[in-house]
Full PDB file with SEQRES, HELIX, SHEET, SSBOND, CRYST1, ORIGX, SCALE, CONECT and MASTER records, all heavy atoms in Angstrom:
SEQRES   1 A   38  ARG GLY TYR ALA TRP SER GLY GLY GLY ASN GLY ILE ILE          
SEQRES   2 A   38  ARG VAL ASP VAL SER LEU ASP GLU GLY LYS THR TRP GLN          
SEQRES   3 A   38  LEU ALA GLU LEU LYS ARG MET PRO GLN LYS PRO GLY              
SHEET    1 AA1 2 ASP A  16  VAL A  17  0                                        
SHEET    2 AA1 2 GLN A  26  LEU A  27 -1                                        
CRYST1    1.000    1.000    1.000  90.00  90.00  90.00 P 1           1          
ORIGX1      1.000000  0.000000  0.000000        0.00000                         
ORIGX2      0.000000  1.000000  0.000000        0.00000                         
ORIGX3      0.000000  0.000000  1.000000        0.00000                         
SCALE1      1.000000  0.000000  0.000000        0.00000                         
SCALE2      0.000000  1.000000  0.000000        0.00000                         
SCALE3      0.000000  0.000000  1.000000        0.00000                         
ATOM      1  N   ARG A   1      38.819-189.847 -11.483  1.00  0.00           N  
ATOM      2  CA  ARG A   1      39.448-190.947 -12.227  1.00  0.00           C  
ATOM      3  C   ARG A   1      39.934-192.012 -11.240  1.00  0.00           C  
ATOM      4  O   ARG A   1      40.309-191.696 -10.115  1.00  0.00           O  
ATOM      5  CB  ARG A   1      40.647-190.443 -13.028  1.00  0.00           C  
ATOM      6  CG  ARG A   1      40.296-189.538 -14.163  1.00  0.00           C  
ATOM      7  CD  ARG A   1      41.546-189.155 -14.957  1.00  0.00           C  
ATOM      8  NE  ARG A   1      41.210-188.283 -16.060  1.00  0.00           N  
ATOM      9  CZ  ARG A   1      41.397-186.969 -16.064  1.00  0.00           C  
ATOM     10  NH1 ARG A   1      41.938-186.362 -15.032  1.00  0.00           N  
ATOM     11  NH2 ARG A   1      41.048-186.265 -17.118  1.00  0.00           N  
ATOM     12  N   GLY A   2      39.989-193.234 -11.723  1.00  0.00           N  
ATOM     13  CA  GLY A   2      40.488-194.302 -10.879  1.00  0.00           C  
ATOM     14  C   GLY A   2      40.638-195.602 -11.638  1.00  0.00           C  
ATOM     15  O   GLY A   2      40.686-195.622 -12.863  1.00  0.00           O  
ATOM     16  N   TYR A   3      40.705-196.687 -10.863  1.00  0.00           N  
ATOM     17  CA  TYR A   3      40.807-198.017 -11.451  1.00  0.00           C  
ATOM     18  C   TYR A   3      39.884-198.963 -10.701  1.00  0.00           C  
ATOM     19  O   TYR A   3      39.496-198.699  -9.558  1.00  0.00           O  
ATOM     20  CB  TYR A   3      42.250-198.539 -11.418  1.00  0.00           C  
ATOM     21  CG  TYR A   3      42.767-198.830 -10.039  1.00  0.00           C  
ATOM     22  CD1 TYR A   3      42.551-200.066  -9.434  1.00  0.00           C  
ATOM     23  CD2 TYR A   3      43.481-197.871  -9.319  1.00  0.00           C  
ATOM     24  CE1 TYR A   3      43.023-200.337  -8.157  1.00  0.00           C  
ATOM     25  CE2 TYR A   3      43.954-198.132  -8.051  1.00  0.00           C  
ATOM     26  CZ  TYR A   3      43.722-199.364  -7.472  1.00  0.00           C  
ATOM     27  OH  TYR A   3      44.175-199.630  -6.204  1.00  0.00           O  
ATOM     28  N   ALA A   4      39.546-200.058 -11.351  1.00  0.00           N  
ATOM     29  CA  ALA A   4      38.743-201.110 -10.729  1.00  0.00           C  
ATOM     30  C   ALA A   4      39.317-202.454 -11.162  1.00  0.00           C  
ATOM     31  O   ALA A   4      39.950-202.564 -12.222  1.00  0.00           O  
ATOM     32  CB  ALA A   4      37.289-200.988 -11.149  1.00  0.00           C  
ATOM     33  N   TRP A   5      39.077-203.455 -10.352  1.00  0.00           N  
ATOM     34  CA  TRP A   5      39.621-204.781 -10.629  1.00  0.00           C  
ATOM     35  C   TRP A   5      38.811-205.801  -9.845  1.00  0.00           C  
ATOM     36  O   TRP A   5      38.273-205.494  -8.769  1.00  0.00           O  
ATOM     37  CB  TRP A   5      41.085-204.824 -10.200  1.00  0.00           C  
ATOM     38  CG  TRP A   5      41.762-206.129 -10.431  1.00  0.00           C  
ATOM     39  CD1 TRP A   5      42.276-206.586 -11.616  1.00  0.00           C  
ATOM     40  CD2 TRP A   5      41.998-207.160  -9.479  1.00  0.00           C  
ATOM     41  NE1 TRP A   5      42.830-207.831 -11.445  1.00  0.00           N  
ATOM     42  CE2 TRP A   5      42.664-208.206 -10.141  1.00  0.00           C  
ATOM     43  CE3 TRP A   5      41.704-207.302  -8.131  1.00  0.00           C  
ATOM     44  CZ2 TRP A   5      43.033-209.378  -9.497  1.00  0.00           C  
ATOM     45  CZ3 TRP A   5      42.076-208.473  -7.483  1.00  0.00           C  
ATOM     46  CH2 TRP A   5      42.742-209.495  -8.168  1.00  0.00           C  
ATOM     47  N   SER A   6      38.734-207.016 -10.358  1.00  0.00           N  
ATOM     48  CA  SER A   6      38.087-208.096  -9.629  1.00  0.00           C  
ATOM     49  C   SER A   6      38.894-209.367  -9.814  1.00  0.00           C  
ATOM     50  O   SER A   6      39.563-209.547 -10.832  1.00  0.00           O  
ATOM     51  CB  SER A   6      36.658-208.304 -10.137  1.00  0.00           C  
ATOM     52  OG  SER A   6      35.958-209.184  -9.273  1.00  0.00           O  
ATOM     53  N   GLY A   7      38.825-210.237  -8.852  1.00  0.00           N  
ATOM     54  CA  GLY A   7      39.560-211.497  -8.913  1.00  0.00           C  
ATOM     55  C   GLY A   7      38.867-212.529  -9.778  1.00  0.00           C  
ATOM     56  O   GLY A   7      37.766-212.316 -10.287  1.00  0.00           O  
ATOM     57  N   GLY A   8      39.526-213.637  -9.962  1.00  0.00           N  
ATOM     58  CA  GLY A   8      38.958-214.751 -10.710  1.00  0.00           C  
ATOM     59  C   GLY A   8      38.790-214.488 -12.191  1.00  0.00           C  
ATOM     60  O   GLY A   8      38.056-215.207 -12.858  1.00  0.00           O  
ATOM     61  N   GLY A   9      39.436-213.443 -12.704  1.00  0.00           N  
ATOM     62  CA  GLY A   9      39.325-213.124 -14.122  1.00  0.00           C  
ATOM     63  C   GLY A   9      38.042-212.413 -14.491  1.00  0.00           C  
ATOM     64  O   GLY A   9      37.745-212.225 -15.665  1.00  0.00           O  
ATOM     65  N   ASN A  10      37.246-211.997 -13.481  1.00  0.00           N  
ATOM     66  CA  ASN A  10      35.994-211.292 -13.744  1.00  0.00           C  
ATOM     67  C   ASN A  10      36.269-209.881 -14.227  1.00  0.00           C  
ATOM     68  O   ASN A  10      37.004-209.131 -13.590  1.00  0.00           O  
ATOM     69  CB  ASN A  10      35.127-211.216 -12.487  1.00  0.00           C  
ATOM     70  CG  ASN A  10      34.444-212.519 -12.176  1.00  0.00           C  
ATOM     71  OD1 ASN A  10      33.958-213.197 -13.073  1.00  0.00           O  
ATOM     72  ND2 ASN A  10      34.410-212.872 -10.912  1.00  0.00           N  
ATOM     73  N   GLY A  11      35.651-209.504 -15.331  1.00  0.00           N  
ATOM     74  CA  GLY A  11      35.793-208.151 -15.852  1.00  0.00           C  
ATOM     75  C   GLY A  11      34.904-207.166 -15.110  1.00  0.00           C  
ATOM     76  O   GLY A  11      33.917-207.544 -14.474  1.00  0.00           O  
ATOM     77  N   ILE A  12      35.255-205.905 -15.194  1.00  0.00           N  
ATOM     78  CA  ILE A  12      34.453-204.833 -14.592  1.00  0.00           C  
ATOM     79  C   ILE A  12      33.407-204.409 -15.612  1.00  0.00           C  
ATOM     80  O   ILE A  12      33.733-204.108 -16.764  1.00  0.00           O  
ATOM     81  CB  ILE A  12      35.356-203.643 -14.205  1.00  0.00           C  
ATOM     82  CG1 ILE A  12      36.407-204.075 -13.177  1.00  0.00           C  
ATOM     83  CG2 ILE A  12      34.521-202.467 -13.699  1.00  0.00           C  
ATOM     84  CD1 ILE A  12      35.852-204.601 -11.870  1.00  0.00           C  
ATOM     85  N   ILE A  13      32.141-204.377 -15.196  1.00  0.00           N  
ATOM     86  CA  ILE A  13      31.078-203.953 -16.105  1.00  0.00           C  
ATOM     87  C   ILE A  13      30.564-202.548 -15.791  1.00  0.00           C  
ATOM     88  O   ILE A  13      29.914-201.939 -16.630  1.00  0.00           O  
ATOM     89  CB  ILE A  13      29.895-204.945 -16.124  1.00  0.00           C  
ATOM     90  CG1 ILE A  13      29.245-205.062 -14.743  1.00  0.00           C  
ATOM     91  CG2 ILE A  13      30.353-206.296 -16.653  1.00  0.00           C  
ATOM     92  CD1 ILE A  13      27.908-205.788 -14.743  1.00  0.00           C  
ATOM     93  N   ARG A  14      30.867-202.045 -14.572  1.00  0.00           N  
ATOM     94  CA  ARG A  14      30.341-200.735 -14.205  1.00  0.00           C  
ATOM     95  C   ARG A  14      31.108-200.161 -13.030  1.00  0.00           C  
ATOM     96  O   ARG A  14      31.514-200.895 -12.127  1.00  0.00           O  
ATOM     97  CB  ARG A  14      28.868-200.884 -13.824  1.00  0.00           C  
ATOM     98  CG  ARG A  14      28.140-199.590 -13.652  1.00  0.00           C  
ATOM     99  CD  ARG A  14      26.666-199.780 -13.354  1.00  0.00           C  
ATOM    100  NE  ARG A  14      26.474-200.142 -11.951  1.00  0.00           N  
ATOM    101  CZ  ARG A  14      25.847-201.234 -11.518  1.00  0.00           C  
ATOM    102  NH1 ARG A  14      25.368-202.106 -12.373  1.00  0.00           N  
ATOM    103  NH2 ARG A  14      25.718-201.467 -10.238  1.00  0.00           N  
ATOM    104  N   VAL A  15      31.313-198.846 -13.054  1.00  0.00           N  
ATOM    105  CA  VAL A  15      31.794-198.113 -11.889  1.00  0.00           C  
ATOM    106  C   VAL A  15      30.829-196.949 -11.684  1.00  0.00           C  
ATOM    107  O   VAL A  15      30.520-196.215 -12.625  1.00  0.00           O  
ATOM    108  CB  VAL A  15      33.233-197.592 -12.066  1.00  0.00           C  
ATOM    109  CG1 VAL A  15      33.634-196.699 -10.896  1.00  0.00           C  
ATOM    110  CG2 VAL A  15      34.208-198.763 -12.192  1.00  0.00           C  
ATOM    111  N   ASP A  16      30.329-196.821 -10.470  1.00  0.00           N  
ATOM    112  CA  ASP A  16      29.418-195.745 -10.102  1.00  0.00           C  
ATOM    113  C   ASP A  16      30.151-194.785  -9.182  1.00  0.00           C  
ATOM    114  O   ASP A  16      30.912-195.214  -8.300  1.00  0.00           O  
ATOM    115  CB  ASP A  16      28.193-196.302  -9.380  1.00  0.00           C  
ATOM    116  CG  ASP A  16      27.427-197.309 -10.233  1.00  0.00           C  
ATOM    117  OD1 ASP A  16      27.021-196.929 -11.342  1.00  0.00           O  
ATOM    118  OD2 ASP A  16      27.250-198.453  -9.788  1.00  0.00           O  
ATOM    119  N   VAL A  17      29.912-193.487  -9.368  1.00  0.00           N  
ATOM    120  CA  VAL A  17      30.568-192.449  -8.577  1.00  0.00           C  
ATOM    121  C   VAL A  17      29.497-191.564  -7.956  1.00  0.00           C  
ATOM    122  O   VAL A  17      28.499-191.230  -8.611  1.00  0.00           O  
ATOM    123  CB  VAL A  17      31.522-191.604  -9.458  1.00  0.00           C  
ATOM    124  CG1 VAL A  17      32.257-190.570  -8.622  1.00  0.00           C  
ATOM    125  CG2 VAL A  17      32.517-192.498 -10.193  1.00  0.00           C  
ATOM    126  N   SER A  18      29.696-191.194  -6.705  1.00  0.00           N  
ATOM    127  CA  SER A  18      28.732-190.369  -5.980  1.00  0.00           C  
ATOM    128  C   SER A  18      29.412-189.152  -5.369  1.00  0.00           C  
ATOM    129  O   SER A  18      30.525-189.251  -4.854  1.00  0.00           O  
ATOM    130  CB  SER A  18      28.070-191.194  -4.866  1.00  0.00           C  
ATOM    131  OG  SER A  18      27.199-190.389  -4.099  1.00  0.00           O  
ATOM    132  N   LEU A  19      28.711-188.024  -5.411  1.00  0.00           N  
ATOM    133  CA  LEU A  19      29.184-186.799  -4.756  1.00  0.00           C  
ATOM    134  C   LEU A  19      28.397-186.505  -3.487  1.00  0.00           C  
ATOM    135  O   LEU A  19      28.620-185.480  -2.851  1.00  0.00           O  
ATOM    136  CB  LEU A  19      29.072-185.606  -5.722  1.00  0.00           C  
ATOM    137  CG  LEU A  19      29.862-185.694  -7.025  1.00  0.00           C  
ATOM    138  CD1 LEU A  19      29.644-184.434  -7.864  1.00  0.00           C  
ATOM    139  CD2 LEU A  19      31.343-185.899  -6.749  1.00  0.00           C  
ATOM    140  N   ASP A  20      27.463-187.385  -3.120  1.00  0.00           N  
ATOM    141  CA  ASP A  20      26.638-187.141  -1.936  1.00  0.00           C  
ATOM    142  C   ASP A  20      26.605-188.354  -1.004  1.00  0.00           C  
ATOM    143  O   ASP A  20      25.579-188.715  -0.454  1.00  0.00           O  
ATOM    144  CB  ASP A  20      25.234-186.698  -2.332  1.00  0.00           C  
ATOM    145  CG  ASP A  20      24.508-187.710  -3.219  1.00  0.00           C  
ATOM    146  OD1 ASP A  20      25.011-188.858  -3.383  1.00  0.00           O  
ATOM    147  OD2 ASP A  20      23.442-187.368  -3.750  1.00  0.00           O  
ATOM    148  N   GLU A  21      27.759-188.980  -0.852  1.00  0.00           N  
ATOM    149  CA  GLU A  21      27.950-190.107   0.064  1.00  0.00           C  
ATOM    150  C   GLU A  21      27.050-191.300  -0.248  1.00  0.00           C  
ATOM    151  O   GLU A  21      26.622-192.022   0.641  1.00  0.00           O  
ATOM    152  CB  GLU A  21      27.798-189.650   1.511  1.00  0.00           C  
ATOM    153  CG  GLU A  21      28.826-188.579   1.856  1.00  0.00           C  
ATOM    154  CD  GLU A  21      28.862-188.202   3.311  1.00  0.00           C  
ATOM    155  OE1 GLU A  21      28.797-189.110   4.158  1.00  0.00           O  
ATOM    156  OE2 GLU A  21      28.965-186.997   3.587  1.00  0.00           O  
ATOM    157  N   GLY A  22      26.746-191.495  -1.535  1.00  0.00           N  
ATOM    158  CA  GLY A  22      26.015-192.675  -1.959  1.00  0.00           C  
ATOM    159  C   GLY A  22      24.508-192.524  -2.041  1.00  0.00           C  
ATOM    160  O   GLY A  22      23.809-193.504  -2.293  1.00  0.00           O  
ATOM    161  N   LYS A  23      23.992-191.325  -1.867  1.00  0.00           N  
ATOM    162  CA  LYS A  23      22.545-191.137  -2.020  1.00  0.00           C  
ATOM    163  C   LYS A  23      22.150-191.227  -3.491  1.00  0.00           C  
ATOM    164  O   LYS A  23      21.106-191.783  -3.834  1.00  0.00           O  
ATOM    165  CB  LYS A  23      22.115-189.797  -1.427  1.00  0.00           C  
ATOM    166  CG  LYS A  23      22.277-189.712   0.086  1.00  0.00           C  
ATOM    167  CD  LYS A  23      21.857-188.339   0.591  1.00  0.00           C  
ATOM    168  CE  LYS A  23      22.211-188.164   2.045  1.00  0.00           C  
ATOM    169  NZ  LYS A  23      23.614-187.830   2.260  1.00  0.00           N  
ATOM    170  N   THR A  24      22.969-190.657  -4.365  1.00  0.00           N  
ATOM    171  CA  THR A  24      22.747-190.743  -5.812  1.00  0.00           C  
ATOM    172  C   THR A  24      24.064-191.119  -6.475  1.00  0.00           C  
ATOM    173  O   THR A  24      25.142-190.856  -5.936  1.00  0.00           O  
ATOM    174  CB  THR A  24      22.240-189.407  -6.403  1.00  0.00           C  
ATOM    175  OG1 THR A  24      23.234-188.398  -6.200  1.00  0.00           O  
ATOM    176  CG2 THR A  24      20.923-188.984  -5.764  1.00  0.00           C  
ATOM    177  N   TRP A  25      23.965-191.725  -7.651  1.00  0.00           N  
ATOM    178  CA  TRP A  25      25.146-192.229  -8.347  1.00  0.00           C  
ATOM    179  C   TRP A  25      25.133-191.777  -9.796  1.00  0.00           C  
ATOM    180  O   TRP A  25      24.074-191.583 -10.387  1.00  0.00           O  
ATOM    181  CB  TRP A  25      25.166-193.755  -8.318  1.00  0.00           C  
ATOM    182  CG  TRP A  25      25.298-194.298  -6.939  1.00  0.00           C  
ATOM    183  CD1 TRP A  25      24.274-194.683  -6.105  1.00  0.00           C  
ATOM    184  CD2 TRP A  25      26.498-194.504  -6.208  1.00  0.00           C  
ATOM    185  NE1 TRP A  25      24.784-195.120  -4.918  1.00  0.00           N  
ATOM    186  CE2 TRP A  25      26.152-195.018  -4.945  1.00  0.00           C  
ATOM    187  CE3 TRP A  25      27.845-194.311  -6.496  1.00  0.00           C  
ATOM    188  CZ2 TRP A  25      27.087-195.345  -3.979  1.00  0.00           C  
ATOM    189  CZ3 TRP A  25      28.780-194.631  -5.531  1.00  0.00           C  
ATOM    190  CH2 TRP A  25      28.403-195.145  -4.293  1.00  0.00           C  
ATOM    191  N   GLN A  26      26.334-191.653 -10.348  1.00  0.00           N  
ATOM    192  CA  GLN A  26      26.497-191.373 -11.768  1.00  0.00           C  
ATOM    193  C   GLN A  26      27.482-192.394 -12.328  1.00  0.00           C  
ATOM    194  O   GLN A  26      28.427-192.801 -11.652  1.00  0.00           O  
ATOM    195  CB  GLN A  26      26.993-189.942 -11.969  1.00  0.00           C  
ATOM    196  CG  GLN A  26      25.952-188.930 -11.460  1.00  0.00           C  
ATOM    197  CD  GLN A  26      26.365-187.514 -11.688  1.00  0.00           C  
ATOM    198  OE1 GLN A  26      26.668-187.139 -12.809  1.00  0.00           O  
ATOM    199  NE2 GLN A  26      26.361-186.721 -10.642  1.00  0.00           N  
ATOM    200  N   LEU A  27      27.238-192.775 -13.559  1.00  0.00           N  
ATOM    201  CA  LEU A  27      28.025-193.811 -14.207  1.00  0.00           C  
ATOM    202  C   LEU A  27      29.338-193.248 -14.738  1.00  0.00           C  
ATOM    203  O   LEU A  27      29.356-192.208 -15.388  1.00  0.00           O  
ATOM    204  CB  LEU A  27      27.204-194.384 -15.374  1.00  0.00           C  
ATOM    205  CG  LEU A  27      27.571-195.736 -15.920  1.00  0.00           C  
ATOM    206  CD1 LEU A  27      27.531-196.806 -14.843  1.00  0.00           C  
ATOM    207  CD2 LEU A  27      26.610-196.100 -17.045  1.00  0.00           C  
ATOM    208  N   ALA A  28      30.432-193.930 -14.455  1.00  0.00           N  
ATOM    209  CA  ALA A  28      31.744-193.548 -14.993  1.00  0.00           C  
ATOM    210  C   ALA A  28      31.935-194.217 -16.354  1.00  0.00           C  
ATOM    211  O   ALA A  28      31.353-195.265 -16.641  1.00  0.00           O  
ATOM    212  CB  ALA A  28      32.854-193.987 -14.039  1.00  0.00           C  
ATOM    213  N   GLU A  29      32.775-193.609 -17.160  1.00  0.00           N  
ATOM    214  CA  GLU A  29      33.143-194.201 -18.447  1.00  0.00           C  
ATOM    215  C   GLU A  29      34.302-195.161 -18.207  1.00  0.00           C  
ATOM    216  O   GLU A  29      35.321-194.788 -17.611  1.00  0.00           O  
ATOM    217  CB  GLU A  29      33.570-193.104 -19.428  1.00  0.00           C  
ATOM    218  CG  GLU A  29      34.025-193.637 -20.756  1.00  0.00           C  
ATOM    219  CD  GLU A  29      34.594-192.551 -21.666  1.00  0.00           C  
ATOM    220  OE1 GLU A  29      34.510-191.357 -21.337  1.00  0.00           O  
ATOM    221  OE2 GLU A  29      35.161-192.930 -22.716  1.00  0.00           O  
ATOM    222  N   LEU A  30      34.153-196.384 -18.683  1.00  0.00           N  
ATOM    223  CA  LEU A  30      35.213-197.388 -18.528  1.00  0.00           C  
ATOM    224  C   LEU A  30      36.204-197.256 -19.669  1.00  0.00           C  
ATOM    225  O   LEU A  30      35.816-197.112 -20.824  1.00  0.00           O  
ATOM    226  CB  LEU A  30      34.626-198.800 -18.504  1.00  0.00           C  
ATOM    227  CG  LEU A  30      33.601-199.087 -17.408  1.00  0.00           C  
ATOM    228  CD1 LEU A  30      33.136-200.534 -17.503  1.00  0.00           C  
ATOM    229  CD2 LEU A  30      34.147-198.771 -16.027  1.00  0.00           C  
ATOM    230  N   LYS A  31      37.484-197.325 -19.331  1.00  0.00           N  
ATOM    231  CA  LYS A  31      38.564-197.268 -20.325  1.00  0.00           C  
ATOM    232  C   LYS A  31      39.212-198.646 -20.345  1.00  0.00           C  
ATOM    233  O   LYS A  31      40.278-198.851 -19.795  1.00  0.00           O  
ATOM    234  CB  LYS A  31      39.599-196.203 -19.927  1.00  0.00           C  
ATOM    235  CG  LYS A  31      39.026-194.878 -19.518  1.00  0.00           C  
ATOM    236  CD  LYS A  31      38.774-194.029 -20.715  1.00  0.00           C  
ATOM    237  CE  LYS A  31      38.360-192.635 -20.259  1.00  0.00           C  
ATOM    238  NZ  LYS A  31      38.277-191.719 -21.335  1.00  0.00           N  
ATOM    239  N   ARG A  32      38.515-199.599 -20.941  1.00  0.00           N  
ATOM    240  CA  ARG A  32      38.932-201.002 -20.882  1.00  0.00           C  
ATOM    241  C   ARG A  32      39.973-201.369 -21.923  1.00  0.00           C  
ATOM    242  O   ARG A  32      39.925-200.886 -23.045  1.00  0.00           O  
ATOM    243  CB  ARG A  32      37.758-201.911 -21.133  1.00  0.00           C  
ATOM    244  CG  ARG A  32      36.729-201.912 -20.096  1.00  0.00           C  
ATOM    245  CD  ARG A  32      35.758-203.007 -20.429  1.00  0.00           C  
ATOM    246  NE  ARG A  32      34.429-202.450 -20.571  1.00  0.00           N  
ATOM    247  CZ  ARG A  32      33.369-203.013 -20.088  1.00  0.00           C  
ATOM    248  NH1 ARG A  32      33.445-204.143 -19.441  1.00  0.00           N  
ATOM    249  NH2 ARG A  32      32.198-202.467 -20.250  1.00  0.00           N  
ATOM    250  N   MET A  33      40.828-202.287 -21.516  1.00  0.00           N  
ATOM    251  CA  MET A  33      41.713-202.977 -22.467  1.00  0.00           C  
ATOM    252  C   MET A  33      40.939-204.190 -22.970  1.00  0.00           C  
ATOM    253  O   MET A  33      40.156-204.774 -22.221  1.00  0.00           O  
ATOM    254  CB  MET A  33      42.980-203.445 -21.767  1.00  0.00           C  
ATOM    255  CG  MET A  33      43.869-202.327 -21.288  1.00  0.00           C  
ATOM    256  SD  MET A  33      45.343-202.975 -20.465  1.00  0.00           S  
ATOM    257  CE  MET A  33      46.055-203.962 -21.757  1.00  0.00           C  
ATOM    258  N   PRO A  34      41.150-204.592 -24.224  1.00  0.00           N  
ATOM    259  CA  PRO A  34      40.467-205.802 -24.697  1.00  0.00           C  
ATOM    260  C   PRO A  34      40.943-207.026 -23.892  1.00  0.00           C  
ATOM    261  O   PRO A  34      42.141-207.255 -23.777  1.00  0.00           O  
ATOM    262  CB  PRO A  34      40.894-205.918 -26.162  1.00  0.00           C  
ATOM    263  CG  PRO A  34      41.600-204.657 -26.507  1.00  0.00           C  
ATOM    264  CD  PRO A  34      41.976-203.967 -25.240  1.00  0.00           C  
ATOM    265  N   GLN A  35      40.000-207.729 -23.320  1.00  0.00           N  
ATOM    266  CA  GLN A  35      40.307-208.937 -22.559  1.00  0.00           C  
ATOM    267  C   GLN A  35      39.200-209.954 -22.809  1.00  0.00           C  
ATOM    268  O   GLN A  35      38.041-209.587 -22.961  1.00  0.00           O  
ATOM    269  CB  GLN A  35      40.381-208.637 -21.059  1.00  0.00           C  
ATOM    270  CG  GLN A  35      41.468-207.621 -20.698  1.00  0.00           C  
ATOM    271  CD  GLN A  35      41.502-207.382 -19.208  1.00  0.00           C  
ATOM    272  OE1 GLN A  35      42.058-208.169 -18.472  1.00  0.00           O  
ATOM    273  NE2 GLN A  35      40.902-206.285 -18.767  1.00  0.00           N  
ATOM    274  N   LYS A  36      39.552-211.210 -22.809  1.00  0.00           N  
ATOM    275  CA  LYS A  36      38.570-212.268 -23.026  1.00  0.00           C  
ATOM    276  C   LYS A  36      37.725-212.460 -21.772  1.00  0.00           C  
ATOM    277  O   LYS A  36      38.247-212.350 -20.651  1.00  0.00           O  
ATOM    278  CB  LYS A  36      39.276-213.574 -23.376  1.00  0.00           C  
ATOM    279  CG  LYS A  36      40.005-213.525 -24.695  1.00  0.00           C  
ATOM    280  CD  LYS A  36      40.715-214.839 -24.970  1.00  0.00           C  
ATOM    281  CE  LYS A  36      41.466-214.743 -26.283  1.00  0.00           C  
ATOM    282  NZ  LYS A  36      42.257-215.935 -26.551  1.00  0.00           N  
ATOM    283  N   PRO A  37      36.444-212.763 -21.929  1.00  0.00           N  
ATOM    284  CA  PRO A  37      35.592-213.024 -20.762  1.00  0.00           C  
ATOM    285  C   PRO A  37      36.204-214.109 -19.871  1.00  0.00           C  
ATOM    286  O   PRO A  37      36.697-215.120 -20.365  1.00  0.00           O  
ATOM    287  CB  PRO A  37      34.265-213.491 -21.385  1.00  0.00           C  
ATOM    288  CG  PRO A  37      34.269-212.886 -22.756  1.00  0.00           C  
ATOM    289  CD  PRO A  37      35.714-212.860 -23.189  1.00  0.00           C  
ATOM    290  N   GLY A  38      36.168-213.882 -18.582  1.00  0.00           N  
ATOM    291  CA  GLY A  38      36.737-214.837 -17.625  1.00  0.00           C  
ATOM    292  C   GLY A  38      38.249-214.790 -17.540  1.00  0.00           C  
ATOM    293  O   GLY A  38      38.851-215.536 -16.776  1.00  0.00           O  
TER     294      GLY A  38                                                      
MASTER        0    0    0    0    2    0    0    6  293    1    0    3          
END                                                                             
């Protein structure tokens, strides 16, 4: 579990998690609050 954030009002569209130092990735489920684009 964790958090993600970006500046400039950009929303997070994806978080990828790896158990093998980035050789393969799995998609995390986003738990977003409703926010307007930008």
